[in-house]
Amino acid sequence: MTREHYIPFNKEFLLEQQIAAFAEDKQKADDFKKLFEIIEHYYHYESFNLNRNLKQNYALYDPDLSEREREGFIGKSDFSIFKNTLLTVLERGNYYRIGEETLKEAFEESDLIGLNLTIDFNAFKDYELYARGHHKAKEKVKKYFFWKKEVEIEYYDRVLIYLNYSDADYLAAKKVKLGKMPIDPGSIALKIFKRVPKNDLETIFPNAVPKMSFKDKMLLWVPGVFGGISLLSAKVIPALLNMYEAYQTGETIDLLNSKTSLNQGLIALGILAAYCFRQYNNFINKKIRYSKTLSDSLYFKNLGNNSGAFYSLLNSSEEEALKETILAYTFLHESPVSLTAEELDSQIESWFALNLKTELDFDVNDALIKLKSIGLGIENDGKWQVVSLKEALIKIDELWDNVFEYNQK
């Protein structure tokens, strides 16, 4: 996987790391903490507005609302505004879209459940998956009987699945059955999961149905069909024919040999049937493991559904914006000279690699835009610098004063 913009450390930890730059000056350290808190509150206010925007324009498509409640938002909810706002929040939170090629690989491979799943994509007018953060972990996977093999599995730290369900007429035309899913046609479902295996992404689709793989079918049907035909033709049928011919002609039936041959054939068929049952039972056990994986995902890994997912997304986007702003401000503040975006980017990424043993692709352009928008960053001929801590506190205070202008003359 490539490096991400996502910063895998919480804001409090990074704050303490940056305060170390002002450790010798208690007043500066206190001012920096105040600046951090004010910027945090300002971004929280921005998130509040985004949340209100999302909820307003999502309500018409929210499957958690009753039909009567949704009718009240006809003409008030705008799909394009909702989708654009959602993409803005995802971008702020350093989520990125999972490409079709990655999804295709996930549908063809499996790390943990060892089971092929089929998904009726006609159920969706549109679907998208977004991820943020990744890591690798060693897991023991059952291979044969009691033998377990340790394999390295790639996980996404967070995954958002966006499902825009098709209209009722289209579902009826395509003969799509939503089954027991509590979803209304034309609605939009959102779900956030944590720690999702890269090659098992299909498990978070609500309409994923287990199916036999080609290998499972071969192991079940080839021995069953060919073995059954072979035993019937070589043992059982000849013995029965001999007994029938002897009965028709009135000859004495050699019961001992006939019964022995017939019993051998039937025993062999019984063994073959037991083998086929075992193979089928293996598939059933895989389905049971899949059901457990699904229930674990829903119970332990689910971080939010539908409008409830907004809070998780907005919290992460707010925190990412804050971390980027504070990092950019601190490094520019402590630099004796103005820096280009490339120089600032290199310094921050090198600091993460050296001090926190973390490789990331710091989104320097986004961080500088944020600094400039709140009046803390200054650009001259491609070089960047920031205002002093005292001036930064004044500017942020002025920014807050101008949020509401009801008392302005």
Protein backbone atom coordinates (compact mmCIF):
# COMPACT_ATOMS: atom_id res chain seq x y z
CA MET A 1 0.00 0.00 0.00
CA THR A 2 1.15 3.56 -0.71
CA ARG A 3 1.72 6.22 1.93
CA GLU A 4 -1.38 8.07 3.09
CA HIS A 5 -2.18 11.62 4.20
CA TYR A 6 -3.75 10.18 7.37
CA ILE A 7 -1.81 10.98 10.57
CA PRO A 8 -2.08 7.87 12.81
CA PHE A 9 -1.65 9.69 16.15
CA ASN A 10 -4.26 11.47 18.22
CA LYS A 11 -4.26 15.24 18.58
CA GLU A 12 -3.34 15.29 22.30
CA PHE A 13 -0.23 13.22 21.66
CA LEU A 14 0.88 15.46 18.78
CA LEU A 15 0.18 18.56 20.89
CA GLU A 16 2.55 17.33 23.59
CA GLN A 17 5.16 16.56 20.95
CA GLN A 18 4.94 20.08 19.53
CA ILE A 19 4.94 21.78 22.93
CA ALA A 20 8.43 20.35 23.36
CA ALA A 21 9.57 23.01 20.87
CA PHE A 22 8.58 25.68 23.45
CA ALA A 23 9.70 23.75 26.53
CA GLU A 24 12.26 26.38 27.60
CA ASP A 25 9.71 29.20 27.48
CA LYS A 26 6.71 28.53 29.72
CA GLN A 27 4.81 31.56 28.42
CA LYS A 28 5.20 30.36 24.82
CA ALA A 29 4.09 26.87 25.80
CA ASP A 30 0.97 28.28 27.49
CA ASP A 31 0.20 30.50 24.49
CA PHE A 32 0.62 27.53 22.15
CA LYS A 33 -1.87 25.50 24.21
CA LYS A 34 -4.35 28.39 24.06
CA LEU A 35 -3.90 28.66 20.30
CA PHE A 36 -4.45 24.91 19.97
CA GLU A 37 -7.68 25.09 22.00
CA ILE A 38 -9.10 28.05 20.09
CA ILE A 39 -8.35 26.52 16.69
CA GLU A 40 -9.89 23.26 17.90
CA HIS A 41 -13.09 25.06 18.91
CA TYR A 42 -13.20 26.90 15.59
CA TYR A 43 -12.88 23.66 13.59
CA HIS A 44 -15.53 22.13 15.83
CA TYR A 45 -17.86 24.97 14.87
CA GLU A 46 -17.13 24.28 11.18
CA SER A 47 -17.92 20.60 11.77
CA PHE A 48 -21.22 21.55 13.41
CA ASN A 49 -22.24 23.42 10.26
CA LEU A 50 -21.18 20.52 8.05
CA ASN A 51 -23.15 18.10 10.22
CA ARG A 52 -26.29 20.26 9.98
CA ASN A 53 -25.83 20.44 6.20
CA LEU A 54 -25.39 16.67 5.90
CA LYS A 55 -28.40 15.81 8.06
CA GLN A 56 -30.65 18.28 6.25
CA ASN A 57 -29.82 17.00 2.78
CA TYR A 58 -29.62 13.31 3.74
CA ALA A 59 -32.97 13.11 5.55
CA LEU A 60 -34.98 12.29 2.40
CA TYR A 61 -32.76 9.23 1.81
CA ASP A 62 -32.25 8.14 5.43
CA PRO A 63 -33.51 4.53 5.85
CA ASP A 64 -33.78 5.07 9.62
CA LEU A 65 -36.58 7.60 9.17
CA SER A 66 -40.16 6.54 8.56
CA GLU A 67 -41.79 7.22 5.21
CA ARG A 68 -43.89 9.96 6.79
CA GLU A 69 -40.80 11.65 8.26
CA ARG A 70 -38.99 11.52 4.93
CA GLU A 71 -41.96 13.08 3.11
CA GLY A 72 -41.42 16.21 5.17
CA PHE A 73 -38.04 16.72 3.48
CA ILE A 74 -39.29 16.59 -0.11
CA GLY A 75 -37.97 19.74 -1.73
CA LYS A 76 -35.68 20.39 1.26
CA SER A 77 -33.10 17.62 0.84
CA ASP A 78 -30.77 18.01 -2.13
CA PHE A 79 -28.85 14.88 -3.18
CA SER A 80 -26.05 16.73 -4.97
CA ILE A 81 -25.41 18.98 -1.94
CA PHE A 82 -25.41 15.94 0.35
CA LYS A 83 -22.97 13.99 -1.84
CA ASN A 84 -20.60 16.94 -2.30
CA THR A 85 -20.62 17.69 1.43
CA LEU A 86 -19.97 14.05 2.24
CA LEU A 87 -17.00 13.99 -0.14
CA THR A 88 -15.69 17.19 1.48
CA VAL A 89 -15.87 15.61 4.94
CA LEU A 90 -14.17 12.44 3.70
CA GLU A 91 -11.40 14.46 2.07
CA ARG A 92 -10.88 16.52 5.25
CA GLY A 93 -10.66 13.29 7.22
CA ASN A 94 -8.03 11.94 4.78
CA TYR A 95 -10.25 9.14 3.51
CA TYR A 96 -9.60 7.92 -0.03
CA ARG A 97 -11.79 5.95 -2.40
CA ILE A 98 -11.04 2.24 -2.84
CA GLY A 99 -10.64 1.58 -6.56
CA GLU A 100 -12.50 -0.99 -8.64
CA GLU A 101 -9.33 -3.03 -9.14
CA THR A 102 -8.86 -3.42 -5.38
CA LEU A 103 -12.51 -4.42 -4.99
CA LYS A 104 -12.18 -6.96 -7.79
CA GLU A 105 -9.16 -8.55 -6.10
CA ALA A 106 -11.06 -8.70 -2.81
CA PHE A 107 -14.00 -10.48 -4.48
CA GLU A 108 -11.63 -13.05 -6.02
CA GLU A 109 -9.49 -13.69 -2.94
CA SER A 110 -10.08 -14.28 0.74
CA ASP A 111 -7.69 -14.13 3.68
CA LEU A 112 -9.79 -15.22 6.64
CA ILE A 113 -13.14 -16.81 5.73
CA GLY A 114 -11.95 -18.88 2.73
CA LEU A 115 -15.35 -18.55 1.11
CA ASN A 116 -16.58 -17.09 -2.16
CA LEU A 117 -19.39 -14.56 -1.89
CA THR A 118 -21.83 -13.39 -4.54
CA ILE A 119 -23.35 -9.90 -4.48
CA ASP A 120 -26.28 -8.75 -6.59
CA PHE A 121 -25.09 -5.27 -7.59
CA ASN A 122 -28.43 -4.59 -9.28
CA ALA A 123 -29.63 -3.71 -5.79
CA PHE A 124 -27.54 -0.53 -5.92
CA LYS A 125 -27.84 2.49 -8.15
CA ASP A 126 -24.37 3.41 -6.95
CA TYR A 127 -21.91 2.11 -4.35
CA GLU A 128 -18.55 3.37 -3.12
CA LEU A 129 -16.02 2.38 -0.47
CA TYR A 130 -13.63 4.76 1.26
CA ALA A 131 -10.73 3.83 3.53
CA ARG A 132 -8.35 5.53 5.91
CA GLY A 133 -5.26 4.09 7.54
CA HIS A 134 -3.85 0.61 7.11
CA HIS A 135 -1.66 -1.89 8.93
CA LYS A 136 -0.47 -5.48 8.67
CA ALA A 137 -0.91 -8.21 11.25
CA LYS A 138 -0.07 -11.90 11.64
CA GLU A 139 -3.09 -14.19 11.81
CA LYS A 140 -3.44 -17.97 12.06
CA VAL A 141 -5.71 -19.32 9.33
CA LYS A 142 -7.04 -22.91 9.24
CA LYS A 143 -5.89 -24.76 6.13
CA TYR A 144 -6.36 -28.52 6.47
CA PHE A 145 -7.93 -30.42 9.35
CA PHE A 146 -6.16 -29.17 12.50
CA TRP A 147 -3.27 -27.48 10.69
CA LYS A 148 -3.20 -23.70 10.95
CA LYS A 149 -0.90 -21.51 8.93
CA GLU A 150 0.32 -18.09 10.05
CA VAL A 151 -0.16 -15.50 7.33
CA GLU A 152 0.31 -11.75 7.10
CA ILE A 153 -2.93 -9.91 6.43
CA GLU A 154 -3.44 -6.30 5.38
CA TYR A 155 -6.17 -4.40 7.21
CA TYR A 156 -7.85 -1.07 6.59
CA ASP A 157 -8.16 0.84 9.88
CA ARG A 158 -11.42 2.49 8.80
CA VAL A 159 -13.79 1.75 5.90
CA LEU A 160 -16.93 3.67 4.94
CA ILE A 161 -19.37 1.91 2.62
CA TYR A 162 -21.84 4.08 0.71
CA LEU A 163 -24.84 2.25 -0.80
CA ASN A 164 -27.36 4.12 -2.95
CA TYR A 165 -30.21 1.63 -3.41
CA SER A 166 -32.06 1.35 -6.70
CA ASP A 167 -35.68 2.45 -7.07
CA ALA A 168 -38.53 -0.02 -6.54
CA ASP A 169 -39.40 -0.28 -10.25
CA TYR A 170 -35.81 -1.10 -11.19
CA LEU A 171 -35.54 -3.71 -8.42
CA ALA A 172 -38.76 -5.34 -9.63
CA ALA A 173 -37.59 -5.32 -13.26
CA LYS A 174 -34.28 -6.96 -12.33
CA LYS A 175 -36.03 -9.34 -9.91
CA VAL A 176 -33.80 -8.22 -7.06
CA LYS A 177 -34.84 -9.47 -3.65
CA LEU A 178 -33.70 -7.37 -0.69
CA GLY A 179 -34.68 -10.24 1.59
CA LYS A 180 -34.85 -9.43 5.28
CA MET A 181 -32.80 -6.26 5.01
CA PRO A 182 -34.69 -3.35 6.65
CA ILE A 183 -34.04 -1.01 3.74
CA ASP A 184 -36.37 0.94 1.50
CA PRO A 185 -35.78 1.26 -2.26
CA GLY A 186 -34.26 4.62 -3.19
CA SER A 187 -32.65 5.13 0.21
CA ILE A 188 -28.93 5.58 0.93
CA ALA A 189 -27.15 3.45 3.53
CA LEU A 190 -23.87 4.48 5.18
CA LYS A 191 -21.80 2.26 7.44
CA ILE A 192 -18.35 2.70 9.01
CA PHE A 193 -16.25 -0.29 10.05
CA LYS A 194 -12.89 -0.62 11.72
CA ARG A 195 -10.15 -3.17 11.04
CA VAL A 196 -11.47 -4.62 7.76
CA PRO A 197 -9.21 -7.15 5.92
CA LYS A 198 -8.27 -5.81 2.50
CA ASN A 199 -9.08 -9.12 0.78
CA ASP A 200 -12.38 -9.56 2.63
CA LEU A 201 -13.97 -6.23 1.75
CA GLU A 202 -16.98 -7.99 0.24
CA THR A 203 -18.05 -9.17 3.72
CA ILE A 204 -19.31 -5.69 4.63
CA PHE A 205 -21.87 -5.66 1.81
CA PRO A 206 -25.28 -6.41 3.41
CA ASN A 207 -26.43 -8.65 0.53
CA ALA A 208 -23.30 -10.83 0.26
CA VAL A 209 -24.36 -14.49 -0.08
CA PRO A 210 -21.94 -17.45 0.31
CA LYS A 211 -21.49 -19.69 -2.72
CA MET A 212 -19.46 -22.79 -3.48
CA SER A 213 -16.12 -22.18 -5.11
CA PHE A 214 -15.07 -24.16 -8.20
CA LYS A 215 -12.71 -26.17 -5.98
CA ASP A 216 -15.52 -27.01 -3.52
CA LYS A 217 -17.78 -28.13 -6.38
CA MET A 218 -15.06 -30.32 -7.90
CA LEU A 219 -14.27 -31.98 -4.57
CA LEU A 220 -17.95 -32.67 -4.02
CA TRP A 221 -19.26 -33.71 -7.45
CA VAL A 222 -16.33 -35.36 -9.26
CA PRO A 223 -15.74 -38.16 -6.70
CA GLY A 224 -19.47 -38.47 -6.12
CA VAL A 225 -20.51 -38.80 -9.75
CA PHE A 226 -17.60 -40.80 -11.15
CA GLY A 227 -17.10 -42.91 -8.03
CA GLY A 228 -20.81 -43.65 -7.80
CA ILE A 229 -21.10 -44.65 -11.47
CA SER A 230 -17.98 -46.82 -11.20
CA LEU A 231 -19.19 -48.69 -8.11
CA LEU A 232 -22.70 -49.16 -9.43
CA SER A 233 -21.48 -50.51 -12.77
CA ALA A 234 -18.73 -52.73 -11.31
CA LYS A 235 -20.36 -54.13 -8.19
CA VAL A 236 -23.98 -53.37 -7.38
CA ILE A 237 -25.71 -53.57 -10.78
CA PRO A 238 -23.92 -56.81 -11.95
CA ALA A 239 -24.81 -58.53 -8.66
CA LEU A 240 -28.46 -57.51 -8.95
CA LEU A 241 -28.59 -58.56 -12.64
CA ASN A 242 -27.10 -61.98 -11.85
CA MET A 243 -29.65 -62.54 -9.13
CA TYR A 244 -32.50 -61.42 -11.39
CA GLU A 245 -31.38 -63.63 -14.32
CA ALA A 246 -31.07 -66.68 -12.04
CA TYR A 247 -34.54 -66.01 -10.69
CA GLN A 248 -36.00 -65.72 -14.25
CA THR A 249 -34.39 -68.90 -15.53
CA GLY A 250 -35.08 -70.89 -12.37
CA GLU A 251 -31.40 -71.51 -11.76
CA THR A 252 -30.05 -71.80 -8.25
CA ILE A 253 -28.91 -68.40 -6.97
CA ASP A 254 -25.40 -68.28 -5.51
CA LEU A 255 -26.50 -66.23 -2.54
CA LEU A 256 -23.12 -66.21 -0.85
CA ASN A 257 -21.21 -64.69 -3.78
CA SER A 258 -24.07 -62.44 -4.82
CA LYS A 259 -24.60 -61.07 -1.34
CA THR A 260 -20.87 -60.59 -0.84
CA SER A 261 -20.55 -58.64 -4.09
CA LEU A 262 -23.69 -56.63 -3.35
CA ASN A 263 -22.61 -55.84 0.21
CA GLN A 264 -19.16 -54.73 -0.94
CA GLY A 265 -20.71 -52.40 -3.47
CA LEU A 266 -23.16 -50.95 -0.97
CA ILE A 267 -20.44 -50.46 1.64
CA ALA A 268 -18.28 -48.67 -0.93
CA LEU A 269 -21.24 -46.48 -1.88
CA GLY A 270 -21.79 -45.70 1.80
CA ILE A 271 -18.16 -44.64 2.16
CA LEU A 272 -18.45 -42.48 -0.96
CA ALA A 273 -21.65 -40.90 0.39
CA ALA A 274 -19.90 -40.18 3.70
CA TYR A 275 -17.05 -38.49 1.79
CA CYS A 276 -19.49 -36.33 -0.19
CA PHE A 277 -21.33 -35.42 3.00
CA ARG A 278 -18.03 -34.42 4.61
CA GLN A 279 -17.17 -32.16 1.68
CA TYR A 280 -20.59 -30.56 1.82
CA ASN A 281 -20.29 -30.21 5.59
CA ASN A 282 -16.99 -28.37 5.10
CA PHE A 283 -18.84 -25.82 2.99
CA ILE A 284 -21.56 -25.50 5.64
CA ASN A 285 -18.87 -24.91 8.30
CA LYS A 286 -17.37 -22.17 6.12
CA LYS A 287 -20.82 -20.56 5.93
CA ILE A 288 -21.07 -20.73 9.72
CA ARG A 289 -17.63 -19.09 10.06
CA TYR A 290 -18.74 -16.41 7.60
CA SER A 291 -21.88 -15.78 9.66
CA LYS A 292 -19.73 -15.36 12.74
CA THR A 293 -17.38 -13.02 10.88
CA LEU A 294 -20.38 -11.00 9.76
CA SER A 295 -21.88 -10.82 13.25
CA ASP A 296 -18.49 -9.79 14.68
CA SER A 297 -18.24 -7.06 12.05
CA LEU A 298 -21.71 -5.77 12.87
CA TYR A 299 -21.32 -6.00 16.62
CA PHE A 300 -17.66 -5.24 17.32
CA LYS A 301 -16.39 -3.42 14.21
CA ASN A 302 -19.34 -1.20 13.31
CA LEU A 303 -18.66 2.43 14.29
CA GLY A 304 -21.79 4.07 12.90
CA ASN A 305 -24.77 3.70 10.59
CA ASN A 306 -26.50 6.17 8.27
CA SER A 307 -26.83 9.64 9.88
CA GLY A 308 -25.04 8.26 12.95
CA ALA A 309 -21.95 7.77 10.78
CA PHE A 310 -21.69 11.55 10.33
CA TYR A 311 -20.44 12.01 13.88
CA SER A 312 -17.58 9.58 13.41
CA LEU A 313 -16.65 11.11 10.05
CA LEU A 314 -16.85 14.69 11.30
CA ASN A 315 -14.86 13.93 14.43
CA SER A 316 -12.07 12.38 12.39
CA SER A 317 -12.12 15.17 9.77
CA GLU A 318 -12.05 17.82 12.49
CA GLU A 319 -9.11 16.11 14.19
CA GLU A 320 -7.16 15.66 10.96
CA ALA A 321 -7.62 19.35 10.08
CA LEU A 322 -6.43 20.35 13.55
CA LYS A 323 -3.36 18.10 13.44
CA GLU A 324 -2.31 19.35 9.99
CA THR A 325 -2.73 23.00 11.02
CA ILE A 326 -0.79 22.66 14.27
CA LEU A 327 2.05 20.74 12.64
CA ALA A 328 2.41 23.26 9.82
CA TYR A 329 2.24 26.21 12.21
CA THR A 330 4.82 24.77 14.63
CA PHE A 331 7.40 23.90 11.99
CA LEU A 332 7.05 27.27 10.27
CA HIS A 333 7.16 29.10 13.60
CA GLU A 334 10.36 27.35 14.65
CA SER A 335 12.06 27.74 11.27
CA PRO A 336 14.60 30.62 11.22
CA VAL A 337 13.75 31.25 7.54
CA SER A 338 10.67 31.12 5.35
CA LEU A 339 10.02 27.72 3.77
CA THR A 340 8.56 26.56 0.49
CA ALA A 341 5.73 24.04 0.61
CA GLU A 342 8.16 21.32 -0.50
CA GLU A 343 10.66 22.17 2.25
CA LEU A 344 7.96 22.22 4.92
CA ASP A 345 6.58 18.91 3.64
CA SER A 346 10.04 17.30 3.76
CA GLN A 347 10.73 18.54 7.30
CA ILE A 348 7.43 17.25 8.72
CA GLU A 349 7.66 13.86 7.00
CA SER A 350 11.29 13.47 8.12
CA TRP A 351 10.27 14.32 11.69
CA PHE A 352 7.62 11.58 11.66
CA ALA A 353 10.06 9.06 10.20
CA LEU A 354 12.85 9.91 12.67
CA ASN A 355 10.89 10.47 15.88
CA LEU A 356 7.78 8.33 15.47
CA LYS A 357 9.03 5.68 13.00
CA THR A 358 6.09 6.44 10.73
CA GLU A 359 6.04 6.92 6.98
CA LEU A 360 3.28 9.21 5.80
CA ASP A 361 2.51 11.58 2.94
CA PHE A 362 1.79 14.82 4.78
CA ASP A 363 -0.85 16.90 2.98
CA VAL A 364 1.19 20.11 3.09
CA ASN A 365 -0.90 22.04 0.56
CA ASP A 366 -4.09 21.45 2.53
CA ALA A 367 -2.34 22.45 5.77
CA LEU A 368 -1.05 25.71 4.27
CA ILE A 369 -4.48 26.57 2.84
CA LYS A 370 -5.94 26.11 6.33
CA LEU A 371 -3.26 28.33 7.89
CA LYS A 372 -3.90 31.06 5.34
CA SER A 373 -7.69 30.86 5.66
CA ILE A 374 -7.55 31.51 9.42
CA GLY A 375 -5.02 34.29 9.02
CA LEU A 376 -1.97 32.56 10.50
CA GLY A 377 -0.02 31.77 7.32
CA ILE A 378 1.64 34.29 5.03
CA GLU A 379 2.98 33.50 1.54
CA ASN A 380 5.52 35.63 -0.35
CA ASP A 381 6.92 34.42 -3.68
CA GLY A 382 6.27 30.78 -2.87
CA LYS A 383 7.82 31.07 0.61
CA TRP A 384 5.74 30.57 3.74
CA GLN A 385 5.95 31.96 7.26
CA VAL A 386 3.52 32.37 10.16
CA VAL A 387 2.63 35.17 12.53
CA SER A 388 3.92 35.12 16.12
CA LEU A 389 2.02 33.29 18.85
CA LYS A 390 0.75 36.56 20.38
CA GLU A 391 -0.48 37.80 17.00
CA ALA A 392 -1.95 34.37 16.19
CA LEU A 393 -4.08 34.49 19.35
CA ILE A 394 -5.37 37.94 18.41
CA LYS A 395 -6.22 36.87 14.85
CA ILE A 396 -8.05 33.75 15.99
CA ASP A 397 -9.98 35.83 18.52
CA GLU A 398 -10.97 38.24 15.72
CA LEU A 399 -12.02 35.28 13.59
CA TRP A 400 -14.34 34.11 16.36
CA ASP A 401 -15.73 37.60 16.86
CA ASN A 402 -16.75 37.70 13.19
CA VAL A 403 -18.47 34.29 13.14
CA PHE A 404 -21.75 35.98 14.10
CA GLU A 405 -22.28 39.55 12.95
CA TYR A 406 -25.60 40.36 14.65
CA ASN A 407 -23.94 42.93 16.92
CA GLN A 408 -21.90 44.55 14.13
CA LYS A 409 -22.69 48.17 13.20
